[in-house]
Amino acid sequence: MRPTPIATVVRYLLLDRVTCLVLPWAWAAFGFVLDVVVLRLVPAGHSDHRWVGGLVAVPLVMLVLGAQSVARALPFALTLGVSRRSYFLGATALALALSAGFGLVVVIGRILERATGGWGINMAYFRVPRLLDGPWYLSWLTATTVFVLMFVYGMWHGLVHRRAGVPGTMAFGAAQLGALALAALVVTWAHGWTAIGHYLGTVTITGLTGVLAAAVAVLLGGGFATIRRMTV
């Protein structure tokens, strides 16, 4: 049976298996070692949930993978006759598959972490406070959503770079920073920081995951609109 165009794109992107499958967890292992070293040097105190932040390495690598999926692989795929729509859907399918698998690794790591008393030093590497500290299925969904979010964000940046070059990418980043600055000014003018702090302190993980999923949808829409206007 002949594979679909989307499956073909996924297989094409997975030709670089080391980058897609090994690199994220190589960085995660490096972050794990750093966390152990830091917590060995810091007095334990009375906390049973000591988190340093080494797991952040995986979302950051997903950001890079998303950018590379279009910066390096897209031009050759288009010259081979792959449509822009098929390529975008294939890259998105790969992001979902990788993120779901990586989310499962996080869940398994959480189970091992609890079973070993935080790796013997009360370390919370996979149990990110307020984000990955609920039921296993909710942690899997949240981790998956975060990984997808970072991949598609990087992919959109890569698409902007392919279409508009360095000046366009800088303008794209400046527009985002400008929007954030404007939002901060509006919130400050409206004296809304207290309300935002209260909301962040009471929001559930389910609600936060929903917000992240909505952000994924916005990024996918922006990325698809960008790739449709690209030339080979």
N, C-alpha and C. Protein backbone atom coordinates (compact mmCIF):
# COMPACT_ATOMS: atom_id res chain seq x y z
N MET A 1 0.85 -1.20 0.00
CA MET A 1 0.00 0.00 0.00
C MET A 1 0.88 1.25 0.00
N ARG A 2 0.60 2.18 -0.89
CA ARG A 2 1.41 3.37 -1.00
C ARG A 2 1.13 4.31 0.17
N PRO A 3 2.19 4.83 0.84
CA PRO A 3 1.97 5.73 1.98
C PRO A 3 1.36 7.05 1.53
N THR A 4 0.60 7.65 2.42
CA THR A 4 0.00 8.96 2.14
C THR A 4 1.09 10.03 2.11
N PRO A 5 0.81 11.18 1.48
CA PRO A 5 1.81 12.26 1.47
C PRO A 5 2.23 12.69 2.88
N ILE A 6 1.28 12.70 3.81
CA ILE A 6 1.61 13.11 5.18
C ILE A 6 2.58 12.11 5.81
N ALA A 7 2.30 10.80 5.63
CA ALA A 7 3.19 9.78 6.17
C ALA A 7 4.57 9.87 5.52
N THR A 8 4.60 10.19 4.24
CA THR A 8 5.87 10.33 3.54
C THR A 8 6.69 11.47 4.13
N VAL A 9 6.04 12.59 4.44
CA VAL A 9 6.74 13.72 5.05
C VAL A 9 7.27 13.34 6.42
N VAL A 10 6.48 12.62 7.20
CA VAL A 10 6.94 12.18 8.53
C VAL A 10 8.18 11.31 8.40
N ARG A 11 8.14 10.36 7.47
CA ARG A 11 9.30 9.49 7.27
C ARG A 11 10.50 10.28 6.78
N TYR A 12 10.25 11.25 5.94
CA TYR A 12 11.34 12.11 5.44
C TYR A 12 12.00 12.87 6.58
N LEU A 13 11.20 13.45 7.47
CA LEU A 13 11.76 14.21 8.59
C LEU A 13 12.47 13.30 9.59
N LEU A 14 12.02 12.06 9.69
CA LEU A 14 12.63 11.12 10.63
C LEU A 14 13.91 10.49 10.10
N LEU A 15 14.34 10.89 8.90
CA LEU A 15 15.63 10.41 8.41
C LEU A 15 16.75 10.85 9.35
N ASP A 16 16.54 12.00 9.98
CA ASP A 16 17.50 12.48 10.99
C ASP A 16 17.01 12.04 12.37
N ARG A 17 17.09 10.75 12.61
CA ARG A 17 16.53 10.20 13.86
C ARG A 17 17.30 10.66 15.09
N VAL A 18 18.58 10.87 14.95
CA VAL A 18 19.37 11.29 16.11
C VAL A 18 18.87 12.64 16.62
N THR A 19 18.66 13.57 15.69
CA THR A 19 18.19 14.90 16.10
C THR A 19 16.79 14.84 16.69
N CYS A 20 15.92 14.06 16.07
CA CYS A 20 14.51 14.03 16.51
C CYS A 20 14.30 13.22 17.78
N LEU A 21 15.00 12.11 17.92
CA LEU A 21 14.69 11.17 18.99
C LEU A 21 15.74 11.14 20.11
N VAL A 22 16.98 11.41 19.77
CA VAL A 22 18.04 11.28 20.77
C VAL A 22 18.40 12.63 21.40
N LEU A 23 18.51 13.65 20.58
CA LEU A 23 18.97 14.95 21.07
C LEU A 23 18.13 15.52 22.21
N PRO A 24 16.78 15.48 22.14
CA PRO A 24 16.01 16.04 23.26
C PRO A 24 16.34 15.39 24.60
N TRP A 25 16.49 14.07 24.60
CA TRP A 25 16.73 13.39 25.87
C TRP A 25 18.20 13.36 26.25
N ALA A 26 19.08 13.63 25.30
CA ALA A 26 20.48 13.84 25.66
C ALA A 26 20.60 15.12 26.48
N TRP A 27 19.89 16.17 26.02
CA TRP A 27 19.87 17.42 26.78
C TRP A 27 19.15 17.25 28.11
N ALA A 28 18.09 16.43 28.10
CA ALA A 28 17.38 16.17 29.36
C ALA A 28 18.28 15.47 30.36
N ALA A 29 19.09 14.52 29.89
CA ALA A 29 20.03 13.82 30.77
C ALA A 29 21.06 14.80 31.32
N PHE A 30 21.51 15.71 30.45
CA PHE A 30 22.46 16.73 30.91
C PHE A 30 21.82 17.61 31.99
N GLY A 31 20.56 18.01 31.76
CA GLY A 31 19.86 18.80 32.76
C GLY A 31 19.65 18.03 34.06
N PHE A 32 19.41 16.73 33.96
CA PHE A 32 19.23 15.89 35.15
C PHE A 32 20.50 15.89 35.99
N VAL A 33 21.63 15.71 35.32
CA VAL A 33 22.91 15.70 36.04
C VAL A 33 23.17 17.04 36.71
N LEU A 34 22.87 18.13 36.00
CA LEU A 34 23.05 19.45 36.60
C LEU A 34 22.16 19.64 37.82
N ASP A 35 20.91 19.17 37.73
CA ASP A 35 20.00 19.27 38.88
C ASP A 35 20.55 18.51 40.08
N VAL A 36 21.06 17.31 39.83
CA VAL A 36 21.61 16.51 40.92
C VAL A 36 22.78 17.24 41.58
N VAL A 37 23.66 17.80 40.76
CA VAL A 37 24.82 18.50 41.30
C VAL A 37 24.38 19.70 42.13
N VAL A 38 23.43 20.48 41.60
CA VAL A 38 22.96 21.66 42.32
C VAL A 38 22.33 21.28 43.65
N LEU A 39 21.47 20.26 43.64
CA LEU A 39 20.77 19.89 44.87
C LEU A 39 21.69 19.20 45.87
N ARG A 40 22.75 18.59 45.40
CA ARG A 40 23.75 18.04 46.31
C ARG A 40 24.49 19.14 47.06
N LEU A 41 24.59 20.30 46.42
CA LEU A 41 25.31 21.42 47.03
C LEU A 41 24.42 22.30 47.88
N VAL A 42 23.09 22.12 47.74
CA VAL A 42 22.14 22.96 48.48
C VAL A 42 21.56 22.15 49.64
N PRO A 43 21.52 22.72 50.85
CA PRO A 43 20.91 22.00 51.98
C PRO A 43 19.47 21.60 51.68
N ALA A 44 19.10 20.40 52.12
CA ALA A 44 17.77 19.86 51.80
C ALA A 44 16.65 20.62 52.48
N GLY A 45 16.85 21.07 53.70
CA GLY A 45 15.78 21.76 54.43
C GLY A 45 14.62 20.81 54.71
N HIS A 46 13.39 21.33 54.64
CA HIS A 46 12.21 20.52 54.94
C HIS A 46 11.36 20.26 53.71
N SER A 47 11.83 20.62 52.54
CA SER A 47 11.03 20.45 51.33
C SER A 47 11.17 19.03 50.80
N ASP A 48 10.05 18.47 50.32
CA ASP A 48 10.07 17.16 49.69
C ASP A 48 9.80 17.28 48.19
N HIS A 49 9.96 18.51 47.67
CA HIS A 49 9.63 18.75 46.26
C HIS A 49 10.62 19.79 45.72
N ARG A 50 11.89 19.43 45.68
CA ARG A 50 12.93 20.37 45.26
C ARG A 50 13.08 20.33 43.75
N TRP A 51 12.75 21.45 43.11
CA TRP A 51 12.76 21.52 41.65
C TRP A 51 13.74 22.58 41.20
N VAL A 52 14.62 22.23 40.26
CA VAL A 52 15.61 23.17 39.75
C VAL A 52 15.26 23.64 38.34
N GLY A 53 14.76 22.76 37.50
CA GLY A 53 14.32 23.18 36.18
C GLY A 53 15.03 22.56 35.00
N GLY A 54 15.76 21.46 35.22
CA GLY A 54 16.50 20.84 34.13
C GLY A 54 15.62 20.30 33.01
N LEU A 55 14.37 19.95 33.31
CA LEU A 55 13.47 19.40 32.29
C LEU A 55 13.12 20.44 31.22
N VAL A 56 13.35 21.71 31.50
CA VAL A 56 13.07 22.76 30.52
C VAL A 56 13.89 22.55 29.25
N ALA A 57 14.97 21.78 29.35
CA ALA A 57 15.80 21.52 28.17
C ALA A 57 15.01 20.86 27.05
N VAL A 58 14.06 19.99 27.39
CA VAL A 58 13.32 19.26 26.35
C VAL A 58 12.42 20.20 25.55
N PRO A 59 11.59 21.06 26.16
CA PRO A 59 10.81 22.00 25.35
C PRO A 59 11.68 22.92 24.50
N LEU A 60 12.83 23.33 25.02
CA LEU A 60 13.71 24.19 24.24
C LEU A 60 14.25 23.46 23.01
N VAL A 61 14.59 22.19 23.17
CA VAL A 61 15.05 21.41 22.01
C VAL A 61 13.89 21.23 21.03
N MET A 62 12.67 21.04 21.52
CA MET A 62 11.52 20.94 20.62
C MET A 62 11.35 22.23 19.81
N LEU A 63 11.63 23.36 20.42
CA LEU A 63 11.59 24.64 19.70
C LEU A 63 12.57 24.63 18.53
N VAL A 64 13.78 24.14 18.80
CA VAL A 64 14.81 24.07 17.76
C VAL A 64 14.40 23.06 16.68
N LEU A 65 13.85 21.93 17.08
CA LEU A 65 13.42 20.92 16.11
C LEU A 65 12.34 21.49 15.19
N GLY A 66 11.42 22.26 15.76
CA GLY A 66 10.38 22.86 14.94
C GLY A 66 10.96 23.81 13.90
N ALA A 67 11.92 24.62 14.31
CA ALA A 67 12.55 25.55 13.37
C ALA A 67 13.32 24.80 12.29
N GLN A 68 14.06 23.76 12.69
CA GLN A 68 14.84 22.99 11.73
C GLN A 68 13.96 22.21 10.75
N SER A 69 12.76 21.83 11.18
CA SER A 69 11.89 21.04 10.31
C SER A 69 11.52 21.78 9.03
N VAL A 70 11.62 23.11 9.07
CA VAL A 70 11.32 23.89 7.87
C VAL A 70 12.56 24.62 7.34
N ALA A 71 13.47 24.98 8.23
CA ALA A 71 14.65 25.72 7.79
C ALA A 71 15.58 24.86 6.96
N ARG A 72 15.70 23.58 7.31
CA ARG A 72 16.64 22.71 6.63
C ARG A 72 15.96 21.75 5.65
N ALA A 73 14.82 21.20 6.03
CA ALA A 73 14.24 20.11 5.25
C ALA A 73 13.20 20.56 4.23
N LEU A 74 12.56 21.68 4.45
CA LEU A 74 11.45 22.09 3.59
C LEU A 74 11.84 22.37 2.13
N PRO A 75 12.89 23.13 1.86
CA PRO A 75 13.18 23.46 0.45
C PRO A 75 13.36 22.22 -0.43
N PHE A 76 14.11 21.25 0.04
CA PHE A 76 14.34 20.05 -0.76
C PHE A 76 13.04 19.28 -0.98
N ALA A 77 12.19 19.22 0.06
CA ALA A 77 10.92 18.51 -0.06
C ALA A 77 10.03 19.18 -1.11
N LEU A 78 10.02 20.50 -1.15
CA LEU A 78 9.20 21.21 -2.13
C LEU A 78 9.71 20.98 -3.55
N THR A 79 11.03 20.91 -3.72
CA THR A 79 11.57 20.65 -5.06
C THR A 79 11.25 19.24 -5.53
N LEU A 80 10.97 18.33 -4.60
CA LEU A 80 10.59 16.95 -4.97
C LEU A 80 9.11 16.82 -5.28
N GLY A 81 8.38 17.92 -5.14
CA GLY A 81 6.96 17.89 -5.51
C GLY A 81 6.00 17.75 -4.36
N VAL A 82 6.48 17.78 -3.13
CA VAL A 82 5.58 17.71 -1.97
C VAL A 82 4.83 19.04 -1.85
N SER A 83 3.55 18.98 -1.68
CA SER A 83 2.77 20.22 -1.55
C SER A 83 3.02 20.88 -0.21
N ARG A 84 2.81 22.16 -0.16
CA ARG A 84 3.00 22.90 1.10
C ARG A 84 2.03 22.40 2.16
N ARG A 85 0.81 22.13 1.78
CA ARG A 85 -0.18 21.63 2.73
C ARG A 85 0.25 20.28 3.31
N SER A 86 0.69 19.36 2.44
CA SER A 86 1.10 18.04 2.91
C SER A 86 2.31 18.14 3.83
N TYR A 87 3.23 19.02 3.47
CA TYR A 87 4.42 19.16 4.31
C TYR A 87 4.05 19.71 5.69
N PHE A 88 3.21 20.72 5.71
CA PHE A 88 2.82 21.31 6.99
C PHE A 88 2.08 20.29 7.85
N LEU A 89 1.16 19.55 7.24
CA LEU A 89 0.42 18.54 8.01
C LEU A 89 1.34 17.42 8.46
N GLY A 90 2.30 17.04 7.63
CA GLY A 90 3.25 16.00 8.03
C GLY A 90 4.12 16.44 9.19
N ALA A 91 4.62 17.68 9.13
CA ALA A 91 5.43 18.20 10.23
C ALA A 91 4.62 18.30 11.51
N THR A 92 3.35 18.71 11.38
CA THR A 92 2.47 18.78 12.55
C THR A 92 2.20 17.39 13.13
N ALA A 93 2.00 16.41 12.25
CA ALA A 93 1.80 15.03 12.72
C ALA A 93 3.03 14.52 13.45
N LEU A 94 4.20 14.85 12.94
CA LEU A 94 5.44 14.44 13.63
C LEU A 94 5.52 15.11 15.00
N ALA A 95 5.16 16.40 15.06
CA ALA A 95 5.18 17.10 16.34
C ALA A 95 4.27 16.43 17.35
N LEU A 96 3.07 16.04 16.92
CA LEU A 96 2.13 15.37 17.82
C LEU A 96 2.66 14.03 18.28
N ALA A 97 3.23 13.25 17.34
CA ALA A 97 3.74 11.92 17.70
C ALA A 97 4.92 12.02 18.66
N LEU A 98 5.87 12.89 18.34
CA LEU A 98 7.02 13.06 19.22
C LEU A 98 6.59 13.56 20.59
N SER A 99 5.69 14.52 20.61
CA SER A 99 5.26 15.12 21.89
C SER A 99 4.51 14.11 22.74
N ALA A 100 3.66 13.30 22.11
CA ALA A 100 2.94 12.27 22.87
C ALA A 100 3.91 11.26 23.46
N GLY A 101 4.91 10.85 22.68
CA GLY A 101 5.91 9.92 23.19
C GLY A 101 6.75 10.53 24.29
N PHE A 102 7.17 11.78 24.10
CA PHE A 102 7.96 12.44 25.13
C PHE A 102 7.14 12.67 26.39
N GLY A 103 5.84 12.96 26.22
CA GLY A 103 4.98 13.10 27.39
C GLY A 103 4.88 11.82 28.18
N LEU A 104 4.87 10.69 27.48
CA LEU A 104 4.85 9.40 28.15
C LEU A 104 6.14 9.15 28.93
N VAL A 105 7.26 9.59 28.36
CA VAL A 105 8.54 9.48 29.08
C VAL A 105 8.48 10.28 30.38
N VAL A 106 7.88 11.47 30.32
CA VAL A 106 7.75 12.30 31.52
C VAL A 106 6.92 11.59 32.58
N VAL A 107 5.83 10.95 32.16
CA VAL A 107 4.97 10.24 33.11
C VAL A 107 5.73 9.08 33.76
N ILE A 108 6.44 8.30 32.95
CA ILE A 108 7.23 7.19 33.49
C ILE A 108 8.30 7.71 34.44
N GLY A 109 8.93 8.82 34.07
CA GLY A 109 9.93 9.42 34.95
C GLY A 109 9.33 9.86 36.26
N ARG A 110 8.12 10.40 36.22
CA ARG A 110 7.43 10.79 37.46
C ARG A 110 7.20 9.61 38.37
N ILE A 111 6.77 8.48 37.78
CA ILE A 111 6.52 7.27 38.58
C ILE A 111 7.80 6.81 39.25
N LEU A 112 8.89 6.77 38.49
CA LEU A 112 10.18 6.36 39.05
C LEU A 112 10.66 7.35 40.11
N GLU A 113 10.39 8.61 39.86
CA GLU A 113 10.82 9.64 40.81
C GLU A 113 10.14 9.48 42.15
N ARG A 114 8.85 9.22 42.12
CA ARG A 114 8.11 9.01 43.37
C ARG A 114 8.56 7.73 44.06
N ALA A 115 8.80 6.69 43.27
CA ALA A 115 9.18 5.39 43.85
C ALA A 115 10.55 5.45 44.52
N THR A 116 11.41 6.33 44.06
CA THR A 116 12.77 6.41 44.60
C THR A 116 12.95 7.57 45.57
N GLY A 117 11.85 8.18 45.98
CA GLY A 117 11.95 9.31 46.90
C GLY A 117 12.68 10.49 46.28
N GLY A 118 12.36 10.78 45.05
CA GLY A 118 13.03 11.89 44.37
C GLY A 118 14.49 11.57 44.09
N TRP A 119 14.74 10.35 43.60
CA TRP A 119 16.09 9.89 43.25
C TRP A 119 17.02 9.91 44.46
N GLY A 120 16.41 9.74 45.64
CA GLY A 120 17.19 9.67 46.86
C GLY A 120 17.56 11.01 47.46
N ILE A 121 17.21 12.11 46.80
CA ILE A 121 17.59 13.43 47.32
C ILE A 121 16.38 14.38 47.31
N ASN A 122 15.17 13.82 47.26
CA ASN A 122 13.95 14.63 47.22
C ASN A 122 13.92 15.58 46.03
N MET A 123 14.46 15.14 44.91
CA MET A 123 14.50 16.00 43.73
C MET A 123 13.23 15.83 42.90
N ALA A 124 12.67 16.95 42.51
CA ALA A 124 11.51 16.94 41.62
C ALA A 124 11.99 17.35 40.23
N TYR A 125 12.37 16.37 39.43
CA TYR A 125 12.83 16.67 38.07
C TYR A 125 11.67 16.59 37.09
N PHE A 126 10.88 15.52 37.17
CA PHE A 126 9.72 15.35 36.29
C PHE A 126 8.45 15.93 36.90
N ARG A 127 8.41 16.14 38.20
CA ARG A 127 7.23 16.68 38.86
C ARG A 127 7.35 18.20 38.94
N VAL A 128 7.08 18.86 37.84
CA VAL A 128 7.17 20.32 37.80
C VAL A 128 6.04 20.91 38.64
N PRO A 129 6.34 21.75 39.63
CA PRO A 129 5.30 22.29 40.51
C PRO A 129 4.17 22.96 39.74
N ARG A 130 2.93 22.62 40.11
CA ARG A 130 1.70 23.20 39.55
C ARG A 130 1.50 22.93 38.07
N LEU A 131 2.39 22.25 37.43
CA LEU A 131 2.24 21.99 36.01
C LEU A 131 2.22 20.49 35.71
N LEU A 132 3.15 19.75 36.28
CA LEU A 132 3.22 18.30 36.06
C LEU A 132 3.22 17.57 37.39
N ASP A 133 2.26 17.92 38.24
CA ASP A 133 2.22 17.32 39.58
C ASP A 133 0.83 16.78 39.92
N GLY A 134 -0.01 16.57 38.90
CA GLY A 134 -1.35 16.05 39.12
C GLY A 134 -1.43 14.58 38.75
N PRO A 135 -2.62 14.08 38.41
CA PRO A 135 -2.78 12.69 37.97
C PRO A 135 -1.92 12.43 36.73
N TRP A 136 -1.51 11.17 36.56
CA TRP A 136 -0.58 10.86 35.47
C TRP A 136 -1.13 11.22 34.10
N TYR A 137 -2.43 10.98 33.89
CA TYR A 137 -3.00 11.24 32.58
C TYR A 137 -3.05 12.73 32.28
N LEU A 138 -3.28 13.54 33.32
CA LEU A 138 -3.31 14.98 33.12
C LEU A 138 -1.90 15.51 32.89
N SER A 139 -0.93 14.94 33.60
CA SER A 139 0.46 15.34 33.39
C SER A 139 0.91 14.98 31.98
N TRP A 140 0.49 13.81 31.49
CA TRP A 140 0.84 13.41 30.13
C TRP A 140 0.25 14.39 29.12
N LEU A 141 -1.02 14.77 29.31
CA LEU A 141 -1.68 15.69 28.39
C LEU A 141 -1.01 17.06 28.42
N THR A 142 -0.68 17.53 29.61
CA THR A 142 -0.05 18.85 29.74
C THR A 142 1.33 18.86 29.12
N ALA A 143 2.14 17.83 29.43
CA ALA A 143 3.49 17.75 28.86
C ALA A 143 3.42 17.67 27.33
N THR A 144 2.51 16.86 26.82
CA THR A 144 2.35 16.74 25.37
C THR A 144 2.00 18.08 24.74
N THR A 145 1.09 18.80 25.37
CA THR A 145 0.67 20.10 24.84
C THR A 145 1.82 21.10 24.85
N VAL A 146 2.61 21.11 25.92
CA VAL A 146 3.76 22.02 25.99
C VAL A 146 4.76 21.70 24.89
N PHE A 147 5.05 20.42 24.69
CA PHE A 147 6.01 20.03 23.65
C PHE A 147 5.51 20.41 22.26
N VAL A 148 4.24 20.16 21.99
CA VAL A 148 3.67 20.54 20.69
C VAL A 148 3.75 22.06 20.51
N LEU A 149 3.40 22.79 21.56
CA LEU A 149 3.43 24.25 21.50
C LEU A 149 4.81 24.76 21.10
N MET A 150 5.85 24.23 21.73
CA MET A 150 7.20 24.69 21.43
C MET A 150 7.61 24.31 20.01
N PHE A 151 7.23 23.12 19.56
CA PHE A 151 7.59 22.68 18.20
C PHE A 151 6.94 23.59 17.16
N VAL A 152 5.64 23.82 17.28
CA VAL A 152 4.96 24.61 16.26
C VAL A 152 5.36 26.08 16.33
N TYR A 153 5.73 26.55 17.52
CA TYR A 153 6.23 27.92 17.62
C TYR A 153 7.55 28.05 16.87
N GLY A 154 8.44 27.07 17.08
CA GLY A 154 9.70 27.08 16.34
C GLY A 154 9.47 26.92 14.85
N MET A 155 8.49 26.09 14.46
CA MET A 155 8.20 25.88 13.05
C MET A 155 7.72 27.18 12.40
N TRP A 156 6.87 27.92 13.08
CA TRP A 156 6.39 29.19 12.52
C TRP A 156 7.54 30.17 12.33
N HIS A 157 8.44 30.22 13.31
CA HIS A 157 9.60 31.10 13.16
C HIS A 157 10.45 30.65 11.97
N GLY A 158 10.63 29.35 11.81
CA GLY A 158 11.39 28.86 10.67
C GLY A 158 10.75 29.21 9.35
N LEU A 159 9.43 29.14 9.29
CA LEU A 159 8.71 29.49 8.06
C LEU A 159 8.85 30.98 7.74
N VAL A 160 8.77 31.81 8.77
CA VAL A 160 8.95 33.24 8.56
C VAL A 160 10.36 33.52 8.04
N HIS A 161 11.33 32.81 8.58
CA HIS A 161 12.71 33.00 8.13
C HIS A 161 12.88 32.57 6.67
N ARG A 162 12.24 31.44 6.30
CA ARG A 162 12.34 30.97 4.92
C ARG A 162 11.69 31.95 3.95
N ARG A 163 10.63 32.60 4.37
CA ARG A 163 9.89 33.48 3.47
C ARG A 163 10.45 34.90 3.46
N ALA A 164 10.86 35.41 4.62
CA ALA A 164 11.23 36.83 4.72
C ALA A 164 12.68 37.06 5.08
N GLY A 165 13.44 36.00 5.33
CA GLY A 165 14.85 36.18 5.66
C GLY A 165 15.06 36.74 7.06
N VAL A 166 16.30 37.17 7.30
CA VAL A 166 16.65 37.69 8.62
C VAL A 166 15.86 38.96 8.97
N PRO A 167 15.73 39.93 8.05
CA PRO A 167 14.95 41.14 8.40
C PRO A 167 13.51 40.80 8.79
N GLY A 168 12.89 39.90 8.03
CA GLY A 168 11.52 39.53 8.36
C GLY A 168 11.42 38.82 9.69
N THR A 169 12.40 37.96 10.00
CA THR A 169 12.39 37.24 11.28
C THR A 169 12.56 38.22 12.44
N MET A 170 13.46 39.19 12.25
CA MET A 170 13.66 40.19 13.31
C MET A 170 12.40 41.03 13.50
N ALA A 171 11.76 41.38 12.40
CA ALA A 171 10.52 42.15 12.51
C ALA A 171 9.43 41.33 13.18
N PHE A 172 9.39 40.03 12.87
CA PHE A 172 8.41 39.12 13.48
C PHE A 172 8.62 39.05 14.99
N GLY A 173 9.88 38.90 15.40
CA GLY A 173 10.17 38.86 16.84
C GLY A 173 9.88 40.18 17.51
N ALA A 174 10.22 41.29 16.82
CA ALA A 174 9.96 42.61 17.39
C ALA A 174 8.47 42.85 17.56
N ALA A 175 7.67 42.35 16.61
CA ALA A 175 6.22 42.53 16.72
C ALA A 175 5.68 41.79 17.93
N GLN A 176 6.21 40.60 18.19
CA GLN A 176 5.77 39.86 19.37
C GLN A 176 6.15 40.57 20.66
N LEU A 177 7.41 41.06 20.71
CA LEU A 177 7.83 41.79 21.90
C LEU A 177 7.01 43.06 22.08
N GLY A 178 6.71 43.74 20.98
CA GLY A 178 5.89 44.94 21.06
C GLY A 178 4.49 44.65 21.57
N ALA A 179 3.92 43.52 21.11
CA ALA A 179 2.58 43.15 21.58
C ALA A 179 2.59 42.85 23.07
N LEU A 180 3.65 42.17 23.54
CA LEU A 180 3.75 41.87 24.97
C LEU A 180 3.91 43.15 25.78
N ALA A 181 4.74 44.07 25.27
CA ALA A 181 4.95 45.33 25.98
C ALA A 181 3.65 46.14 26.04
N LEU A 182 2.92 46.14 24.94
CA LEU A 182 1.64 46.87 24.92
C LEU A 182 0.64 46.26 25.90
N ALA A 183 0.61 44.90 25.92
CA ALA A 183 -0.30 44.23 26.86
C ALA A 183 0.08 44.56 28.30
N ALA A 184 1.39 44.60 28.58
CA ALA A 184 1.84 44.94 29.94
C ALA A 184 1.44 46.36 30.31
N LEU A 185 1.55 47.28 29.35
CA LEU A 185 1.16 48.67 29.62
C LEU A 185 -0.34 48.78 29.89
N VAL A 186 -1.13 48.04 29.12
CA VAL A 186 -2.58 48.08 29.31
C VAL A 186 -2.96 47.52 30.68
N VAL A 187 -2.33 46.40 31.05
CA VAL A 187 -2.62 45.79 32.36
C VAL A 187 -2.21 46.74 33.48
N THR A 188 -1.04 47.37 33.32
CA THR A 188 -0.57 48.31 34.34
C THR A 188 -1.53 49.50 34.45
N TRP A 189 -1.94 50.04 33.30
CA TRP A 189 -2.86 51.18 33.29
C TRP A 189 -4.19 50.83 33.96
N ALA A 190 -4.64 49.58 33.77
CA ALA A 190 -5.91 49.14 34.33
C ALA A 190 -5.77 48.57 35.74
N HIS A 191 -4.54 48.59 36.29
CA HIS A 191 -4.27 48.05 37.63
C HIS A 191 -4.74 46.58 37.72
N GLY A 192 -4.35 45.82 36.70
CA GLY A 192 -4.84 44.45 36.63
C GLY A 192 -3.88 43.37 37.06
N TRP A 193 -2.66 43.75 37.51
CA TRP A 193 -1.68 42.73 37.87
C TRP A 193 -2.14 41.89 39.06
N THR A 194 -2.84 42.51 40.00
CA THR A 194 -3.32 41.75 41.16
C THR A 194 -4.32 40.69 40.73
N ALA A 195 -5.22 41.07 39.82
CA ALA A 195 -6.21 40.10 39.34
C ALA A 195 -5.54 38.97 38.56
N ILE A 196 -4.51 39.30 37.77
CA ILE A 196 -3.80 38.27 37.03
C ILE A 196 -3.08 37.32 37.98
N GLY A 197 -2.44 37.90 39.00
CA GLY A 197 -1.77 37.06 39.99
C GLY A 197 -2.74 36.14 40.71
N HIS A 198 -3.92 36.66 41.02
CA HIS A 198 -4.94 35.83 41.67
C HIS A 198 -5.40 34.71 40.75
N TYR A 199 -5.57 35.03 39.46
CA TYR A 199 -6.01 34.01 38.51
C TYR A 199 -4.96 32.91 38.37
N LEU A 200 -3.70 33.30 38.26
CA LEU A 200 -2.64 32.31 38.11
C LEU A 200 -2.51 31.44 39.36
N GLY A 201 -2.86 32.02 40.51
CA GLY A 201 -2.77 31.26 41.74
C GLY A 201 -3.92 30.29 41.94
N THR A 202 -5.02 30.50 41.21
CA THR A 202 -6.19 29.64 41.39
C THR A 202 -6.52 28.79 40.17
N VAL A 203 -5.89 29.05 39.02
CA VAL A 203 -6.23 28.31 37.81
C VAL A 203 -5.86 26.84 37.97
N THR A 204 -6.69 25.97 37.45
CA THR A 204 -6.42 24.54 37.52
C THR A 204 -5.49 24.13 36.38
N ILE A 205 -4.89 22.96 36.52
CA ILE A 205 -4.01 22.45 35.48
C ILE A 205 -4.81 22.21 34.20
N THR A 206 -6.06 21.76 34.35
CA THR A 206 -6.91 21.55 33.18
C THR A 206 -7.14 22.85 32.43
N GLY A 207 -7.40 23.92 33.16
CA GLY A 207 -7.60 25.22 32.54
C GLY A 207 -6.34 25.72 31.86
N LEU A 208 -5.19 25.53 32.51
CA LEU A 208 -3.93 25.97 31.93
C LEU A 208 -3.62 25.19 30.66
N THR A 209 -3.89 23.88 30.68
CA THR A 209 -3.66 23.06 29.49
C THR A 209 -4.56 23.50 28.35
N GLY A 210 -5.79 23.89 28.68
CA GLY A 210 -6.69 24.39 27.66
C GLY A 210 -6.18 25.67 27.02
N VAL A 211 -5.61 26.56 27.84
CA VAL A 211 -5.03 27.80 27.31
C VAL A 211 -3.86 27.49 26.38
N LEU A 212 -3.02 26.54 26.79
CA LEU A 212 -1.88 26.15 25.96
C LEU A 212 -2.35 25.53 24.64
N ALA A 213 -3.41 24.71 24.70
CA ALA A 213 -3.94 24.11 23.48
C ALA A 213 -4.48 25.17 22.53
N ALA A 214 -5.13 26.20 23.10
CA ALA A 214 -5.62 27.30 22.26
C ALA A 214 -4.46 28.03 21.60
N ALA A 215 -3.36 28.19 22.34
CA ALA A 215 -2.18 28.84 21.76
C ALA A 215 -1.60 28.00 20.62
N VAL A 216 -1.63 26.67 20.78
CA VAL A 216 -1.17 25.78 19.71
C VAL A 216 -1.99 26.00 18.45
N ALA A 217 -3.31 26.10 18.61
CA ALA A 217 -4.19 26.31 17.45
C ALA A 217 -3.87 27.63 16.75
N VAL A 218 -3.60 28.68 17.52
CA VAL A 218 -3.26 29.98 16.92
C VAL A 218 -1.95 29.88 16.16
N LEU A 219 -0.95 29.22 16.75
CA LEU A 219 0.35 29.09 16.09
C LEU A 219 0.24 28.26 14.82
N LEU A 220 -0.56 27.22 14.85
CA LEU A 220 -0.75 26.40 13.65
C LEU A 220 -1.41 27.21 12.54
N GLY A 221 -2.40 28.02 12.92
CA GLY A 221 -3.04 28.87 11.92
C GLY A 221 -2.06 29.85 11.29
N GLY A 222 -1.23 30.46 12.12
CA GLY A 222 -0.23 31.40 11.61
C GLY A 222 0.80 30.70 10.74
N GLY A 223 1.25 29.53 11.16
CA GLY A 223 2.23 28.79 10.38
C GLY A 223 1.68 28.35 9.03
N PHE A 224 0.44 27.90 9.01
CA PHE A 224 -0.16 27.45 7.75
C PHE A 224 -0.36 28.63 6.80
N ALA A 225 -0.76 29.76 7.34
CA ALA A 225 -0.93 30.95 6.48
C ALA A 225 0.41 31.38 5.89
N THR A 226 1.49 31.20 6.65
CA THR A 226 2.81 31.58 6.17
C THR A 226 3.31 30.63 5.09
N ILE A 227 3.17 29.32 5.30
CA ILE A 227 3.72 28.37 4.34
C ILE A 227 2.97 28.43 3.01
N ARG A 228 1.70 28.81 3.03
CA ARG A 228 0.93 28.90 1.78
C ARG A 228 1.47 30.00 0.88
N ARG A 229 2.15 30.98 1.45
CA ARG A 229 2.66 32.12 0.68
C ARG A 229 4.14 31.98 0.33
N MET A 230 4.71 30.82 0.63
CA MET A 230 6.13 30.61 0.37
C MET A 230 6.36 30.20 -1.08
N THR A 231 7.53 30.57 -1.59
CA THR A 231 8.00 30.07 -2.88
C THR A 231 9.07 29.02 -2.63
N VAL A 232 9.37 28.22 -3.62
CA VAL A 232 10.37 27.17 -3.47
C VAL A 232 11.73 27.81 -3.26
